[in-house]
Amino acid sequence: MLVAQEDYPKSGKMKTRHIPESVMDQIQENLSSLPEPFQRAVTILTETGMRFSELSGLKQDCLEQDRTGNWWLTYYQSKMDKEHRIPIQKDCVLAIQTQLEFVQDMFGEDFDYLFCGRSTQHLWRPKTLTLQVFNKTLQSWA
């Protein structure tokens, strides 16, 4: 079987696309105009650098404080296919704790995840937040 040169993957590293600081400043200045669960999601995403799929898979027991008072976030890192534990700052801790209270008030402790949406077939049954809903909300907000 012959393999043509264009069949090989392109070499070279992909360039990292950073969000300009001016855009991040605008996001922070206007964050309060988003619905509160989305404010908390954006705070967690910007603080941790996790992917949306990792955010939507956060479990209610993802937050942990060690004996010295430092806070840790444990989540499934899809890229590495394993659990990942990272230190987090107070504003991220507050966002997670507030979101946890919100989800437990709405659905109780039976719903395992930190972020939720609603099933279109069963309005009474929660489901995890989808990327489509998240993106649509952010695009409307922008």
N, C-alpha and C. Protein backbone atom coordinates (compact mmCIF):
# COMPACT_ATOMS: atom_id res chain seq x y z
N MET A 1 0.85 -1.17 0.00
CA MET A 1 0.00 0.00 0.00
C MET A 1 0.89 1.23 0.00
N LEU A 2 0.59 2.16 -0.88
CA LEU A 2 1.38 3.37 -0.98
C LEU A 2 0.84 4.46 -0.08
N VAL A 3 1.74 5.20 0.49
CA VAL A 3 1.36 6.32 1.35
C VAL A 3 1.94 7.59 0.73
N ALA A 4 1.08 8.53 0.46
CA ALA A 4 1.52 9.80 -0.13
C ALA A 4 2.00 10.74 0.98
N GLN A 5 2.83 11.69 0.60
CA GLN A 5 3.38 12.64 1.58
C GLN A 5 2.27 13.38 2.32
N GLU A 6 1.19 13.74 1.63
CA GLU A 6 0.10 14.48 2.28
C GLU A 6 -0.72 13.63 3.25
N ASP A 7 -0.48 12.33 3.26
CA ASP A 7 -1.16 11.45 4.20
C ASP A 7 -0.54 11.52 5.60
N TYR A 8 0.70 11.98 5.69
CA TYR A 8 1.36 12.11 6.98
C TYR A 8 0.84 13.34 7.71
N PRO A 9 0.79 13.29 9.03
CA PRO A 9 0.35 14.48 9.77
C PRO A 9 1.36 15.61 9.61
N LYS A 10 0.84 16.82 9.65
CA LYS A 10 1.72 17.99 9.55
C LYS A 10 2.57 18.07 10.80
N SER A 11 3.82 18.39 10.61
CA SER A 11 4.71 18.51 11.76
C SER A 11 4.64 19.92 12.33
N GLY A 12 5.17 20.06 13.49
CA GLY A 12 5.15 21.37 14.13
C GLY A 12 4.13 21.41 15.23
N LYS A 13 4.38 22.29 16.17
CA LYS A 13 3.48 22.41 17.30
C LYS A 13 2.35 23.38 16.98
N MET A 14 1.19 23.08 17.54
CA MET A 14 0.08 24.01 17.41
C MET A 14 0.38 25.22 18.28
N LYS A 15 -0.01 26.38 17.81
CA LYS A 15 0.21 27.59 18.58
C LYS A 15 -0.90 27.74 19.61
N THR A 16 -0.52 28.11 20.80
CA THR A 16 -1.49 28.36 21.86
C THR A 16 -2.21 29.66 21.55
N ARG A 17 -3.54 29.63 21.66
CA ARG A 17 -4.32 30.83 21.42
C ARG A 17 -4.76 31.39 22.77
N HIS A 18 -4.06 32.41 23.21
CA HIS A 18 -4.39 33.04 24.48
C HIS A 18 -5.47 34.09 24.26
N ILE A 19 -6.32 34.24 25.26
CA ILE A 19 -7.32 35.30 25.23
C ILE A 19 -6.61 36.58 25.63
N PRO A 20 -6.72 37.62 24.82
CA PRO A 20 -6.04 38.88 25.17
C PRO A 20 -6.49 39.40 26.53
N GLU A 21 -5.57 40.05 27.24
CA GLU A 21 -5.87 40.56 28.57
C GLU A 21 -7.03 41.55 28.55
N SER A 22 -7.12 42.34 27.48
CA SER A 22 -8.22 43.32 27.39
C SER A 22 -9.57 42.62 27.32
N VAL A 23 -9.62 41.48 26.65
CA VAL A 23 -10.87 40.71 26.56
C VAL A 23 -11.19 40.09 27.91
N MET A 24 -10.18 39.57 28.59
CA MET A 24 -10.40 38.99 29.93
C MET A 24 -10.90 40.06 30.90
N ASP A 25 -10.37 41.29 30.77
CA ASP A 25 -10.84 42.40 31.62
C ASP A 25 -12.32 42.69 31.35
N GLN A 26 -12.70 42.68 30.08
CA GLN A 26 -14.11 42.92 29.72
C GLN A 26 -15.00 41.82 30.27
N ILE A 27 -14.54 40.59 30.20
CA ILE A 27 -15.31 39.47 30.73
C ILE A 27 -15.53 39.66 32.23
N GLN A 28 -14.47 39.99 32.96
CA GLN A 28 -14.59 40.17 34.40
C GLN A 28 -15.49 41.35 34.75
N GLU A 29 -15.39 42.44 33.98
CA GLU A 29 -16.21 43.62 34.24
C GLU A 29 -17.70 43.36 34.03
N ASN A 30 -18.04 42.46 33.10
CA ASN A 30 -19.44 42.23 32.74
C ASN A 30 -19.98 40.88 33.19
N LEU A 31 -19.20 40.17 33.97
CA LEU A 31 -19.59 38.82 34.40
C LEU A 31 -20.92 38.82 35.16
N SER A 32 -21.19 39.86 35.90
CA SER A 32 -22.41 39.90 36.72
C SER A 32 -23.69 39.95 35.89
N SER A 33 -23.59 40.21 34.60
CA SER A 33 -24.79 40.24 33.76
C SER A 33 -25.17 38.85 33.23
N LEU A 34 -24.34 37.85 33.49
CA LEU A 34 -24.68 36.46 33.15
C LEU A 34 -25.54 35.85 34.25
N PRO A 35 -26.36 34.85 33.93
CA PRO A 35 -27.05 34.12 35.00
C PRO A 35 -26.02 33.56 35.98
N GLU A 36 -26.38 33.53 37.26
CA GLU A 36 -25.42 33.18 38.30
C GLU A 36 -24.71 31.84 38.10
N PRO A 37 -25.40 30.75 37.71
CA PRO A 37 -24.65 29.50 37.50
C PRO A 37 -23.58 29.64 36.41
N PHE A 38 -23.85 30.44 35.39
CA PHE A 38 -22.88 30.65 34.32
C PHE A 38 -21.72 31.53 34.80
N GLN A 39 -22.01 32.48 35.69
CA GLN A 39 -20.94 33.28 36.29
C GLN A 39 -19.97 32.36 37.02
N ARG A 40 -20.54 31.45 37.79
CA ARG A 40 -19.70 30.53 38.55
C ARG A 40 -18.92 29.60 37.63
N ALA A 41 -19.55 29.15 36.55
CA ALA A 41 -18.86 28.28 35.59
C ALA A 41 -17.68 29.00 34.94
N VAL A 42 -17.88 30.25 34.53
CA VAL A 42 -16.80 31.02 33.92
C VAL A 42 -15.68 31.25 34.93
N THR A 43 -16.02 31.54 36.17
CA THR A 43 -15.01 31.73 37.21
C THR A 43 -14.16 30.47 37.37
N ILE A 44 -14.80 29.32 37.42
CA ILE A 44 -14.07 28.06 37.60
C ILE A 44 -13.22 27.75 36.37
N LEU A 45 -13.77 27.96 35.18
CA LEU A 45 -13.01 27.70 33.96
C LEU A 45 -11.78 28.59 33.85
N THR A 46 -11.94 29.87 34.15
CA THR A 46 -10.79 30.78 34.02
C THR A 46 -9.76 30.53 35.12
N GLU A 47 -10.21 30.15 36.28
CA GLU A 47 -9.29 29.89 37.40
C GLU A 47 -8.49 28.60 37.19
N THR A 48 -9.13 27.58 36.67
CA THR A 48 -8.48 26.26 36.60
C THR A 48 -7.90 25.91 35.23
N GLY A 49 -8.43 26.52 34.17
CA GLY A 49 -7.98 26.18 32.83
C GLY A 49 -8.52 24.85 32.33
N MET A 50 -9.52 24.32 33.01
CA MET A 50 -10.07 23.02 32.59
C MET A 50 -10.93 23.17 31.33
N ARG A 51 -11.18 22.08 30.67
CA ARG A 51 -12.06 22.04 29.51
C ARG A 51 -13.51 22.05 29.98
N PHE A 52 -14.42 22.45 29.07
CA PHE A 52 -15.83 22.47 29.45
C PHE A 52 -16.31 21.07 29.82
N SER A 53 -15.87 20.05 29.09
CA SER A 53 -16.31 18.69 29.40
C SER A 53 -15.89 18.29 30.82
N GLU A 54 -14.77 18.80 31.28
CA GLU A 54 -14.32 18.52 32.64
C GLU A 54 -15.17 19.28 33.65
N LEU A 55 -15.53 20.51 33.31
CA LEU A 55 -16.40 21.31 34.18
C LEU A 55 -17.78 20.65 34.31
N SER A 56 -18.35 20.24 33.18
CA SER A 56 -19.69 19.66 33.22
C SER A 56 -19.71 18.31 33.92
N GLY A 57 -18.55 17.68 34.04
CA GLY A 57 -18.45 16.40 34.73
C GLY A 57 -18.07 16.52 36.20
N LEU A 58 -17.92 17.77 36.70
CA LEU A 58 -17.56 17.94 38.11
C LEU A 58 -18.64 17.33 39.01
N LYS A 59 -18.21 16.55 39.96
CA LYS A 59 -19.13 15.93 40.91
C LYS A 59 -19.33 16.84 42.11
N GLN A 60 -20.40 16.61 42.85
CA GLN A 60 -20.68 17.43 44.02
C GLN A 60 -19.59 17.32 45.09
N ASP A 61 -18.84 16.24 45.09
CA ASP A 61 -17.79 16.07 46.09
C ASP A 61 -16.40 16.42 45.55
N CYS A 62 -16.33 17.34 44.60
CA CYS A 62 -15.06 17.66 43.93
C CYS A 62 -14.14 18.54 44.77
N LEU A 63 -14.66 19.16 45.80
CA LEU A 63 -13.91 20.13 46.59
C LEU A 63 -13.39 19.49 47.87
N GLU A 64 -12.14 19.81 48.21
CA GLU A 64 -11.54 19.23 49.41
C GLU A 64 -10.59 20.25 50.05
N GLN A 65 -10.60 20.29 51.37
CA GLN A 65 -9.68 21.17 52.09
C GLN A 65 -8.74 20.29 52.91
N ASP A 66 -7.44 20.60 52.83
CA ASP A 66 -6.48 19.81 53.58
C ASP A 66 -6.31 20.35 55.00
N ARG A 67 -5.46 19.70 55.78
CA ARG A 67 -5.27 20.07 57.19
C ARG A 67 -4.68 21.47 57.37
N THR A 68 -3.98 21.96 56.35
CA THR A 68 -3.37 23.29 56.45
C THR A 68 -4.30 24.40 55.99
N GLY A 69 -5.51 24.03 55.53
CA GLY A 69 -6.48 25.02 55.09
C GLY A 69 -6.47 25.31 53.61
N ASN A 70 -5.61 24.63 52.86
CA ASN A 70 -5.58 24.83 51.41
C ASN A 70 -6.71 24.05 50.75
N TRP A 71 -7.25 24.60 49.66
CA TRP A 71 -8.36 23.98 48.95
C TRP A 71 -7.86 23.30 47.69
N TRP A 72 -8.49 22.16 47.38
CA TRP A 72 -8.13 21.35 46.21
C TRP A 72 -9.39 20.99 45.43
N LEU A 73 -9.25 20.95 44.12
CA LEU A 73 -10.33 20.54 43.24
C LEU A 73 -9.92 19.24 42.56
N THR A 74 -10.76 18.23 42.67
CA THR A 74 -10.50 16.95 42.03
C THR A 74 -11.51 16.75 40.92
N TYR A 75 -11.01 16.42 39.74
CA TYR A 75 -11.89 16.21 38.58
C TYR A 75 -11.25 15.21 37.63
N TYR A 76 -12.08 14.67 36.73
CA TYR A 76 -11.59 13.73 35.74
C TYR A 76 -11.02 14.53 34.58
N GLN A 77 -9.73 14.37 34.32
CA GLN A 77 -9.07 15.07 33.23
C GLN A 77 -9.12 14.18 31.99
N SER A 78 -9.97 14.56 31.05
CA SER A 78 -10.22 13.71 29.89
C SER A 78 -8.99 13.53 29.01
N LYS A 79 -8.18 14.56 28.87
CA LYS A 79 -6.99 14.46 28.01
C LYS A 79 -6.03 13.39 28.51
N MET A 80 -5.88 13.29 29.82
CA MET A 80 -4.96 12.32 30.40
C MET A 80 -5.67 11.03 30.82
N ASP A 81 -7.00 11.02 30.75
CA ASP A 81 -7.82 9.87 31.11
C ASP A 81 -7.55 9.42 32.55
N LYS A 82 -7.56 10.40 33.48
CA LYS A 82 -7.35 10.07 34.88
C LYS A 82 -7.89 11.19 35.77
N GLU A 83 -8.02 10.88 37.05
CA GLU A 83 -8.40 11.89 38.03
C GLU A 83 -7.25 12.88 38.18
N HIS A 84 -7.62 14.15 38.36
CA HIS A 84 -6.61 15.21 38.49
C HIS A 84 -6.98 16.05 39.70
N ARG A 85 -5.99 16.46 40.47
CA ARG A 85 -6.23 17.24 41.68
C ARG A 85 -5.35 18.49 41.61
N ILE A 86 -5.98 19.66 41.72
CA ILE A 86 -5.23 20.91 41.61
C ILE A 86 -5.59 21.84 42.78
N PRO A 87 -4.64 22.69 43.19
CA PRO A 87 -4.96 23.68 44.21
C PRO A 87 -5.78 24.81 43.59
N ILE A 88 -6.70 25.37 44.35
CA ILE A 88 -7.52 26.47 43.84
C ILE A 88 -7.58 27.60 44.85
N GLN A 89 -7.88 28.78 44.34
CA GLN A 89 -7.95 30.00 45.14
C GLN A 89 -9.35 30.16 45.75
N LYS A 90 -9.46 31.10 46.68
CA LYS A 90 -10.70 31.33 47.43
C LYS A 90 -11.89 31.68 46.54
N ASP A 91 -11.69 32.51 45.47
CA ASP A 91 -12.83 32.88 44.64
C ASP A 91 -13.39 31.67 43.89
N CYS A 92 -12.53 30.75 43.53
CA CYS A 92 -12.98 29.52 42.88
C CYS A 92 -13.69 28.62 43.89
N VAL A 93 -13.18 28.55 45.11
CA VAL A 93 -13.82 27.77 46.18
C VAL A 93 -15.22 28.30 46.44
N LEU A 94 -15.34 29.62 46.53
CA LEU A 94 -16.64 30.25 46.78
C LEU A 94 -17.61 29.95 45.63
N ALA A 95 -17.14 30.00 44.40
CA ALA A 95 -18.00 29.69 43.24
C ALA A 95 -18.49 28.25 43.32
N ILE A 96 -17.62 27.33 43.67
CA ILE A 96 -17.99 25.91 43.77
C ILE A 96 -18.98 25.69 44.92
N GLN A 97 -18.69 26.27 46.08
CA GLN A 97 -19.58 26.10 47.23
C GLN A 97 -20.96 26.69 46.95
N THR A 98 -21.01 27.85 46.32
CA THR A 98 -22.29 28.48 46.00
C THR A 98 -23.06 27.65 44.98
N GLN A 99 -22.36 27.13 43.97
CA GLN A 99 -23.01 26.28 42.98
C GLN A 99 -23.51 24.99 43.60
N LEU A 100 -22.76 24.45 44.53
CA LEU A 100 -23.18 23.23 45.23
C LEU A 100 -24.48 23.47 45.99
N GLU A 101 -24.58 24.57 46.70
CA GLU A 101 -25.82 24.92 47.42
C GLU A 101 -26.98 25.08 46.44
N PHE A 102 -26.72 25.73 45.31
CA PHE A 102 -27.74 25.96 44.29
C PHE A 102 -28.29 24.63 43.76
N VAL A 103 -27.41 23.72 43.41
CA VAL A 103 -27.82 22.42 42.84
C VAL A 103 -28.54 21.58 43.89
N GLN A 104 -28.04 21.59 45.12
CA GLN A 104 -28.69 20.80 46.17
C GLN A 104 -30.06 21.37 46.52
N ASP A 105 -30.21 22.70 46.50
CA ASP A 105 -31.53 23.31 46.74
C ASP A 105 -32.52 22.93 45.65
N MET A 106 -32.03 22.87 44.40
CA MET A 106 -32.92 22.55 43.27
C MET A 106 -33.25 21.06 43.18
N PHE A 107 -32.24 20.21 43.34
CA PHE A 107 -32.41 18.79 43.03
C PHE A 107 -32.08 17.85 44.18
N GLY A 108 -31.59 18.38 45.28
CA GLY A 108 -31.20 17.51 46.37
C GLY A 108 -29.85 16.88 46.11
N GLU A 109 -29.49 15.95 46.93
CA GLU A 109 -28.19 15.31 46.80
C GLU A 109 -28.22 14.11 45.86
N ASP A 110 -29.38 13.82 45.27
CA ASP A 110 -29.49 12.69 44.35
C ASP A 110 -28.83 12.97 43.01
N PHE A 111 -28.73 14.25 42.63
CA PHE A 111 -28.07 14.62 41.39
C PHE A 111 -26.57 14.73 41.68
N ASP A 112 -25.76 13.96 40.97
CA ASP A 112 -24.34 13.83 41.30
C ASP A 112 -23.46 15.00 40.89
N TYR A 113 -23.92 15.80 39.94
CA TYR A 113 -23.04 16.78 39.32
C TYR A 113 -23.19 18.18 39.89
N LEU A 114 -22.16 19.01 39.67
CA LEU A 114 -22.15 20.37 40.19
C LEU A 114 -22.94 21.32 39.29
N PHE A 115 -22.92 21.07 37.99
CA PHE A 115 -23.67 21.91 37.05
C PHE A 115 -24.74 21.08 36.37
N CYS A 116 -25.87 21.73 36.10
CA CYS A 116 -27.00 20.97 35.57
C CYS A 116 -27.73 21.75 34.50
N GLY A 117 -28.48 21.00 33.73
CA GLY A 117 -29.43 21.54 32.77
C GLY A 117 -30.73 20.82 33.03
N ARG A 118 -31.65 20.95 32.09
CA ARG A 118 -32.92 20.22 32.23
C ARG A 118 -33.13 19.35 31.01
N SER A 119 -33.60 18.18 31.23
CA SER A 119 -33.91 17.28 30.13
C SER A 119 -35.13 17.80 29.40
N THR A 120 -35.06 17.86 28.08
CA THR A 120 -36.21 18.36 27.31
C THR A 120 -37.36 17.36 27.30
N GLN A 121 -37.03 16.08 27.40
CA GLN A 121 -38.10 15.08 27.43
C GLN A 121 -38.77 15.02 28.80
N HIS A 122 -38.02 15.21 29.83
CA HIS A 122 -38.53 15.11 31.20
C HIS A 122 -38.11 16.36 31.96
N LEU A 123 -38.95 17.37 31.98
CA LEU A 123 -38.59 18.65 32.59
C LEU A 123 -38.27 18.51 34.08
N TRP A 124 -38.78 17.48 34.70
CA TRP A 124 -38.54 17.30 36.13
C TRP A 124 -37.20 16.65 36.41
N ARG A 125 -36.55 16.11 35.39
CA ARG A 125 -35.30 15.37 35.61
C ARG A 125 -34.09 16.20 35.18
N PRO A 126 -33.15 16.45 36.07
CA PRO A 126 -31.97 17.23 35.69
C PRO A 126 -31.01 16.40 34.85
N LYS A 127 -30.20 17.07 34.08
CA LYS A 127 -29.11 16.43 33.35
C LYS A 127 -27.90 17.34 33.44
N THR A 128 -26.76 16.88 33.00
CA THR A 128 -25.57 17.72 33.07
C THR A 128 -25.67 18.85 32.05
N LEU A 129 -25.04 19.95 32.35
CA LEU A 129 -25.01 21.11 31.47
C LEU A 129 -24.29 20.74 30.19
N THR A 130 -24.85 21.14 29.04
CA THR A 130 -24.24 20.80 27.75
C THR A 130 -23.43 21.97 27.20
N LEU A 131 -22.46 21.64 26.37
CA LEU A 131 -21.63 22.66 25.74
C LEU A 131 -22.48 23.55 24.84
N GLN A 132 -23.46 22.97 24.17
CA GLN A 132 -24.34 23.74 23.29
C GLN A 132 -25.08 24.84 24.06
N VAL A 133 -25.64 24.50 25.20
CA VAL A 133 -26.37 25.48 26.02
C VAL A 133 -25.40 26.52 26.56
N PHE A 134 -24.24 26.09 27.02
CA PHE A 134 -23.24 27.00 27.57
C PHE A 134 -22.79 28.00 26.50
N ASN A 135 -22.44 27.48 25.31
CA ASN A 135 -21.99 28.36 24.22
C ASN A 135 -23.08 29.33 23.79
N LYS A 136 -24.30 28.84 23.68
CA LYS A 136 -25.41 29.71 23.27
C LYS A 136 -25.62 30.84 24.28
N THR A 137 -25.52 30.52 25.55
CA THR A 137 -25.67 31.53 26.60
C THR A 137 -24.55 32.55 26.51
N LEU A 138 -23.32 32.10 26.33
CA LEU A 138 -22.18 33.02 26.23
C LEU A 138 -22.26 33.88 24.97
N GLN A 139 -22.72 33.30 23.87
CA GLN A 139 -22.84 34.08 22.62
C GLN A 139 -23.90 35.16 22.77
N SER A 140 -25.01 34.83 23.38
CA SER A 140 -26.06 35.84 23.63
C SER A 140 -25.53 36.93 24.55
N TRP A 141 -24.77 36.54 25.55
CA TRP A 141 -24.20 37.48 26.51
C TRP A 141 -23.20 38.41 25.83
N ALA A 142 -22.37 37.85 24.93
CA ALA A 142 -21.35 38.65 24.25
C ALA A 142 -22.03 39.68 23.36
